[in-house]
Amino acid sequence: MKLPVVSGSQGIRKAGYELDEQHGSHIILRRNDPPHRRLSVPNHKELAKETLRALIREAGLTVEEFATLL
């Protein structure tokens, strides 16, 4: 499946992650439900495809699951 084009701020938040903190141009997101994963997402207008693919994998999702959340 083809990856959607998303920004850093909208990328993983729809997967149940909320803003934890921000350091410079990176947003640290945390999942409130178990497992309590933390993700560091670059706050860019458009995420690179491989960066987005890695974040989706770290979030424990497939590309198809992520696309349905958008």
PDB file of N, CA and C in Angstrom:
ATOM      1  N   MET A   1       0.841  -1.187   0.000  1.00  0.00           N
ATOM      2  CA  MET A   1       0.000   0.000   0.000  1.00  0.00           C
ATOM      3  C   MET A   1       0.879   1.240   0.000  1.00  0.00           C
ATOM      4  N   LYS A   2       0.424   2.253  -0.668  1.00  0.00           N
ATOM      5  CA  LYS A   2       1.167   3.499  -0.766  1.00  0.00           C
ATOM      6  C   LYS A   2       1.010   4.316   0.516  1.00  0.00           C
ATOM      7  N   LEU A   3       2.106   4.920   0.947  1.00  0.00           N
ATOM      8  CA  LEU A   3       2.065   5.739   2.162  1.00  0.00           C
ATOM      9  C   LEU A   3       1.396   7.079   1.888  1.00  0.00           C
ATOM     10  N   PRO A   4       0.556   7.545   2.813  1.00  0.00           N
ATOM     11  CA  PRO A   4      -0.032   8.871   2.661  1.00  0.00           C
ATOM     12  C   PRO A   4       0.995   9.955   2.975  1.00  0.00           C
ATOM     13  N   VAL A   5       0.750  11.159   2.489  1.00  0.00           N
ATOM     14  CA  VAL A   5       1.614  12.299   2.794  1.00  0.00           C
ATOM     15  C   VAL A   5       1.025  12.997   4.008  1.00  0.00           C
ATOM     16  N   VAL A   6       1.797  13.044   5.104  1.00  0.00           N
ATOM     17  CA  VAL A   6       1.327  13.676   6.338  1.00  0.00           C
ATOM     18  C   VAL A   6       2.431  14.535   6.929  1.00  0.00           C
ATOM     19  N   SER A   7       2.024  15.479   7.762  1.00  0.00           N
ATOM     20  CA  SER A   7       2.995  16.306   8.472  1.00  0.00           C
ATOM     21  C   SER A   7       3.366  15.627   9.780  1.00  0.00           C
ATOM     22  N   GLY A   8       4.414  16.109  10.388  1.00  0.00           N
ATOM     23  CA  GLY A   8       4.845  15.539  11.659  1.00  0.00           C
ATOM     24  C   GLY A   8       3.823  15.709  12.755  1.00  0.00           C
ATOM     25  N   SER A   9       3.143  16.833  12.779  1.00  0.00           N
ATOM     26  CA  SER A   9       2.193  17.085  13.867  1.00  0.00           C
ATOM     27  C   SER A   9       0.917  16.267  13.725  1.00  0.00           C
ATOM     28  N   GLN A  10       0.518  15.895  12.521  1.00  0.00           N
ATOM     29  CA  GLN A  10      -0.707  15.131  12.354  1.00  0.00           C
ATOM     30  C   GLN A  10      -0.447  13.639  12.210  1.00  0.00           C
ATOM     31  N   GLY A  11       0.785  13.278  11.993  1.00  0.00           N
ATOM     32  CA  GLY A  11       1.122  11.901  11.664  1.00  0.00           C
ATOM     33  C   GLY A  11       0.615  10.838  12.600  1.00  0.00           C
ATOM     34  N   ILE A  12       1.114  10.755  13.797  1.00  0.00           N
ATOM     35  CA  ILE A  12       0.839   9.627  14.676  1.00  0.00           C
ATOM     36  C   ILE A  12      -0.214   9.949  15.737  1.00  0.00           C
ATOM     37  N   ARG A  13      -0.592  11.185  15.874  1.00  0.00           N
ATOM     38  CA  ARG A  13      -1.568  11.554  16.910  1.00  0.00           C
ATOM     39  C   ARG A  13      -2.881  10.814  16.767  1.00  0.00           C
ATOM     40  N   LYS A  14      -3.258  10.504  15.555  1.00  0.00           N
ATOM     41  CA  LYS A  14      -4.524   9.813  15.341  1.00  0.00           C
ATOM     42  C   LYS A  14      -4.469   8.370  15.818  1.00  0.00           C
ATOM     43  N   ALA A  15      -3.291   7.866  16.113  1.00  0.00           N
ATOM     44  CA  ALA A  15      -3.139   6.485  16.574  1.00  0.00           C
ATOM     45  C   ALA A  15      -3.210   6.391  18.094  1.00  0.00           C
ATOM     46  N   GLY A  16      -3.735   7.403  18.761  1.00  0.00           N
ATOM     47  CA  GLY A  16      -3.887   7.369  20.207  1.00  0.00           C
ATOM     48  C   GLY A  16      -2.727   7.975  20.969  1.00  0.00           C
ATOM     49  N   TYR A  17      -1.875   8.718  20.292  1.00  0.00           N
ATOM     50  CA  TYR A  17      -0.733   9.356  20.945  1.00  0.00           C
ATOM     51  C   TYR A  17      -1.061  10.815  21.235  1.00  0.00           C
ATOM     52  N   GLU A  18      -0.573  11.302  22.368  1.00  0.00           N
ATOM     53  CA  GLU A  18      -0.794  12.683  22.768  1.00  0.00           C
ATOM     54  C   GLU A  18       0.545  13.361  23.017  1.00  0.00           C
ATOM     55  N   LEU A  19       0.543  14.668  22.934  1.00  0.00           N
ATOM     56  CA  LEU A  19       1.758  15.451  23.145  1.00  0.00           C
ATOM     57  C   LEU A  19       2.263  15.264  24.569  1.00  0.00           C
ATOM     58  N   ASP A  20       3.524  14.884  24.689  1.00  0.00           N
ATOM     59  CA  ASP A  20       4.160  14.732  25.992  1.00  0.00           C
ATOM     60  C   ASP A  20       5.068  15.932  26.246  1.00  0.00           C
ATOM     61  N   GLU A  21       5.941  16.226  25.285  1.00  0.00           N
ATOM     62  CA  GLU A  21       6.834  17.374  25.374  1.00  0.00           C
ATOM     63  C   GLU A  21       7.394  17.666  23.997  1.00  0.00           C
ATOM     64  N   GLN A  22       8.114  18.775  23.887  1.00  0.00           N
ATOM     65  CA  GLN A  22       8.740  19.131  22.621  1.00  0.00           C
ATOM     66  C   GLN A  22      10.148  19.629  22.881  1.00  0.00           C
ATOM     67  N   HIS A  23      11.072  19.148  22.052  1.00  0.00           N
ATOM     68  CA  HIS A  23      12.467  19.571  22.121  1.00  0.00           C
ATOM     69  C   HIS A  23      12.873  20.064  20.747  1.00  0.00           C
ATOM     70  N   GLY A  24      12.970  21.368  20.591  1.00  0.00           N
ATOM     71  CA  GLY A  24      13.344  21.921  19.301  1.00  0.00           C
ATOM     72  C   GLY A  24      12.323  21.562  18.240  1.00  0.00           C
ATOM     73  N   SER A  25      12.770  20.919  17.167  1.00  0.00           N
ATOM     74  CA  SER A  25      11.865  20.592  16.076  1.00  0.00           C
ATOM     75  C   SER A  25      11.311  19.178  16.191  1.00  0.00           C
ATOM     76  N   HIS A  26      11.441  18.538  17.338  1.00  0.00           N
ATOM     77  CA  HIS A  26      10.924  17.192  17.525  1.00  0.00           C
ATOM     78  C   HIS A  26       9.837  17.182  18.602  1.00  0.00           C
ATOM     79  N   ILE A  27       8.738  16.553  18.265  1.00  0.00           N
ATOM     80  CA  ILE A  27       7.614  16.401  19.180  1.00  0.00           C
ATOM     81  C   ILE A  27       7.718  15.021  19.813  1.00  0.00           C
ATOM     82  N   ILE A  28       7.636  14.953  21.131  1.00  0.00           N
ATOM     83  CA  ILE A  28       7.650  13.672  21.835  1.00  0.00           C
ATOM     84  C   ILE A  28       6.202  13.342  22.166  1.00  0.00           C
ATOM     85  N   LEU A  29       5.723  12.238  21.601  1.00  0.00           N
ATOM     86  CA  LEU A  29       4.355  11.802  21.823  1.00  0.00           C
ATOM     87  C   LEU A  29       4.363  10.576  22.724  1.00  0.00           C
ATOM     88  N   ARG A  30       3.315  10.452  23.526  1.00  0.00           N
ATOM     89  CA  ARG A  30       3.209   9.321  24.455  1.00  0.00           C
ATOM     90  C   ARG A  30       1.820   8.730  24.339  1.00  0.00           C
ATOM     91  N   ARG A  31       1.759   7.427  24.386  1.00  0.00           N
ATOM     92  CA  ARG A  31       0.473   6.733  24.360  1.00  0.00           C
ATOM     93  C   ARG A  31      -0.002   6.544  25.788  1.00  0.00           C
ATOM     94  N   ASN A  32      -1.238   6.942  26.065  1.00  0.00           N
ATOM     95  CA  ASN A  32      -1.782   6.827  27.421  1.00  0.00           C
ATOM     96  C   ASN A  32      -2.222   5.416  27.762  1.00  0.00           C
ATOM     97  N   ASP A  33      -2.637   4.654  26.763  1.00  0.00           N
ATOM     98  CA  ASP A  33      -3.061   3.274  26.990  1.00  0.00           C
ATOM     99  C   ASP A  33      -1.868   2.339  26.867  1.00  0.00           C
ATOM    100  N   PRO A  34      -1.896   1.217  27.588  1.00  0.00           N
ATOM    101  CA  PRO A  34      -0.797   0.258  27.443  1.00  0.00           C
ATOM    102  C   PRO A  34      -0.735  -0.262  26.014  1.00  0.00           C
ATOM    103  N   PRO A  35       0.400  -0.518  25.451  1.00  0.00           N
ATOM    104  CA  PRO A  35       1.728  -0.235  26.004  1.00  0.00           C
ATOM    105  C   PRO A  35       2.037   1.258  25.911  1.00  0.00           C
ATOM    106  N   HIS A  36       2.656   1.800  26.927  1.00  0.00           N
ATOM    107  CA  HIS A  36       2.933   3.240  27.019  1.00  0.00           C
ATOM    108  C   HIS A  36       4.166   3.590  26.198  1.00  0.00           C
ATOM    109  N   ARG A  37       4.034   3.561  24.899  1.00  0.00           N
ATOM    110  CA  ARG A  37       5.158   3.860  24.017  1.00  0.00           C
ATOM    111  C   ARG A  37       5.341   5.361  23.876  1.00  0.00           C
ATOM    112  N   ARG A  38       6.589   5.754  23.649  1.00  0.00           N
ATOM    113  CA  ARG A  38       6.910   7.152  23.355  1.00  0.00           C
ATOM    114  C   ARG A  38       7.545   7.202  21.981  1.00  0.00           C
ATOM    115  N   LEU A  39       7.173   8.208  21.212  1.00  0.00           N
ATOM    116  CA  LEU A  39       7.715   8.387  19.873  1.00  0.00           C
ATOM    117  C   LEU A  39       8.262   9.798  19.732  1.00  0.00           C
ATOM    118  N   SER A  40       9.378   9.923  19.054  1.00  0.00           N
ATOM    119  CA  SER A  40       9.948  11.228  18.732  1.00  0.00           C
ATOM    120  C   SER A  40       9.673  11.485  17.259  1.00  0.00           C
ATOM    121  N   VAL A  41       8.834  12.488  16.989  1.00  0.00           N
ATOM    122  CA  VAL A  41       8.389  12.783  15.625  1.00  0.00           C
ATOM    123  C   VAL A  41       8.932  14.143  15.206  1.00  0.00           C
ATOM    124  N   PRO A  42       9.630  14.212  14.066  1.00  0.00           N
ATOM    125  CA  PRO A  42      10.094  15.517  13.586  1.00  0.00           C
ATOM    126  C   PRO A  42       8.901  16.368  13.167  1.00  0.00           C
ATOM    127  N   ASN A  43       8.889  17.609  13.567  1.00  0.00           N
ATOM    128  CA  ASN A  43       7.787  18.516  13.267  1.00  0.00           C
ATOM    129  C   ASN A  43       8.048  19.195  11.923  1.00  0.00           C
ATOM    130  N   HIS A  44       7.912  18.434  10.844  1.00  0.00           N
ATOM    131  CA  HIS A  44       8.113  18.950   9.498  1.00  0.00           C
ATOM    132  C   HIS A  44       6.773  19.044   8.784  1.00  0.00           C
ATOM    133  N   LYS A  45       6.710  19.860   7.736  1.00  0.00           N
ATOM    134  CA  LYS A  45       5.469  19.983   6.977  1.00  0.00           C
ATOM    135  C   LYS A  45       5.113  18.684   6.279  1.00  0.00           C
ATOM    136  N   GLU A  46       6.130  17.924   5.874  1.00  0.00           N
ATOM    137  CA  GLU A  46       5.903  16.639   5.226  1.00  0.00           C
ATOM    138  C   GLU A  46       6.977  15.666   5.691  1.00  0.00           C
ATOM    139  N   LEU A  47       6.555  14.536   6.242  1.00  0.00           N
ATOM    140  CA  LEU A  47       7.510  13.536   6.707  1.00  0.00           C
ATOM    141  C   LEU A  47       8.045  12.731   5.532  1.00  0.00           C
ATOM    142  N   ALA A  48       9.326  12.410   5.576  1.00  0.00           N
ATOM    143  CA  ALA A  48       9.913  11.543   4.564  1.00  0.00           C
ATOM    144  C   ALA A  48       9.265  10.171   4.663  1.00  0.00           C
ATOM    145  N   LYS A  49       9.139   9.490   3.540  1.00  0.00           N
ATOM    146  CA  LYS A  49       8.445   8.209   3.506  1.00  0.00           C
ATOM    147  C   LYS A  49       9.063   7.178   4.441  1.00  0.00           C
ATOM    148  N   GLU A  50      10.389   7.083   4.462  1.00  0.00           N
ATOM    149  CA  GLU A  50      11.032   6.102   5.336  1.00  0.00           C
ATOM    150  C   GLU A  50      10.895   6.481   6.804  1.00  0.00           C
ATOM    151  N   THR A  51      10.886   7.779   7.104  1.00  0.00           N
ATOM    152  CA  THR A  51      10.666   8.230   8.488  1.00  0.00           C
ATOM    153  C   THR A  51       9.264   7.862   8.929  1.00  0.00           C
ATOM    154  N   LEU A  52       8.284   8.119   8.071  1.00  0.00           N
ATOM    155  CA  LEU A  52       6.900   7.780   8.390  1.00  0.00           C
ATOM    156  C   LEU A  52       6.740   6.277   8.554  1.00  0.00           C
ATOM    157  N   ARG A  53       7.356   5.503   7.677  1.00  0.00           N
ATOM    158  CA  ARG A  53       7.266   4.043   7.770  1.00  0.00           C
ATOM    159  C   ARG A  53       7.856   3.544   9.100  1.00  0.00           C
ATOM    160  N   ALA A  54       8.975   4.137   9.520  1.00  0.00           N
ATOM    161  CA  ALA A  54       9.606   3.748  10.788  1.00  0.00           C
ATOM    162  C   ALA A  54       8.717   4.125  11.978  1.00  0.00           C
ATOM    163  N   LEU A  55       8.083   5.292  11.925  1.00  0.00           N
ATOM    164  CA  LEU A  55       7.201   5.717  13.017  1.00  0.00           C
ATOM    165  C   LEU A  55       5.971   4.819  13.110  1.00  0.00           C
ATOM    166  N   ILE A  56       5.434   4.433  11.968  1.00  0.00           N
ATOM    167  CA  ILE A  56       4.277   3.533  11.962  1.00  0.00           C
ATOM    168  C   ILE A  56       4.659   2.197  12.589  1.00  0.00           C
ATOM    169  N   ARG A  57       5.834   1.706  12.245  1.00  0.00           N
ATOM    170  CA  ARG A  57       6.321   0.438  12.805  1.00  0.00           C
ATOM    171  C   ARG A  57       6.519   0.564  14.315  1.00  0.00           C
ATOM    172  N   GLU A  58       7.120   1.673  14.767  1.00  0.00           N
ATOM    173  CA  GLU A  58       7.347   1.882  16.205  1.00  0.00           C
ATOM    174  C   GLU A  58       6.031   2.003  16.964  1.00  0.00           C
ATOM    175  N   ALA A  59       5.000   2.519  16.295  1.00  0.00           N
ATOM    176  CA  ALA A  59       3.691   2.662  16.934  1.00  0.00           C
ATOM    177  C   ALA A  59       2.951   1.335  17.014  1.00  0.00           C
ATOM    178  N   GLY A  60       3.506   0.301  16.381  1.00  0.00           N
ATOM    179  CA  GLY A  60       2.880  -1.013  16.431  1.00  0.00           C
ATOM    180  C   GLY A  60       1.740  -1.161  15.446  1.00  0.00           C
ATOM    181  N   LEU A  61       1.764  -0.389  14.370  1.00  0.00           N
ATOM    182  CA  LEU A  61       0.707  -0.433  13.362  1.00  0.00           C
ATOM    183  C   LEU A  61       1.253  -0.937  12.037  1.00  0.00           C
ATOM    184  N   THR A  62       0.341  -1.335  11.170  1.00  0.00           N
ATOM    185  CA  THR A  62       0.706  -1.602   9.785  1.00  0.00           C
ATOM    186  C   THR A  62       0.358  -0.354   8.976  1.00  0.00           C
ATOM    187  N   VAL A  63       0.857  -0.288   7.766  1.00  0.00           N
ATOM    188  CA  VAL A  63       0.555   0.863   6.905  1.00  0.00           C
ATOM    189  C   VAL A  63      -0.943   0.932   6.637  1.00  0.00           C
ATOM    190  N   GLU A  64      -1.587  -0.201   6.463  1.00  0.00           N
ATOM    191  CA  GLU A  64      -3.019  -0.243   6.210  1.00  0.00           C
ATOM    192  C   GLU A  64      -3.809   0.282   7.406  1.00  0.00           C
ATOM    193  N   GLU A  65      -3.425  -0.137   8.616  1.00  0.00           N
ATOM    194  CA  GLU A  65      -4.091   0.351   9.830  1.00  0.00           C
ATOM    195  C   GLU A  65      -3.924   1.843   9.975  1.00  0.00           C
ATOM    196  N   PHE A  66      -2.709   2.346   9.693  1.00  0.00           N
ATOM    197  CA  PHE A  66      -2.452   3.772   9.801  1.00  0.00           C
ATOM    198  C   PHE A  66      -3.289   4.548   8.785  1.00  0.00           C
ATOM    199  N   ALA A  67      -3.393   4.046   7.560  1.00  0.00           N
ATOM    200  CA  ALA A  67      -4.141   4.742   6.514  1.00  0.00           C
ATOM    201  C   ALA A  67      -5.624   4.830   6.868  1.00  0.00           C
ATOM    202  N   THR A  68      -6.166   3.819   7.550  1.00  0.00           N
ATOM    203  CA  THR A  68      -7.576   3.875   7.930  1.00  0.00           C
ATOM    204  C   THR A  68      -7.822   4.903   9.039  1.00  0.00           C
ATOM    205  N   LEU A  69      -6.795   5.228   9.824  1.00  0.00           N
ATOM    206  CA  LEU A  69      -6.947   6.222  10.896  1.00  0.00           C
ATOM    207  C   LEU A  69      -7.044   7.642  10.354  1.00  0.00           C
ATOM    208  N   LEU A  70      -6.490   7.875   9.173  1.00  0.00           N
ATOM    209  CA  LEU A  70      -6.481   9.226   8.603  1.00  0.00           C
ATOM    210  C   LEU A  70      -7.796   9.543   8.025  1.00  0.00           C
TER     211      LEU A  70
END
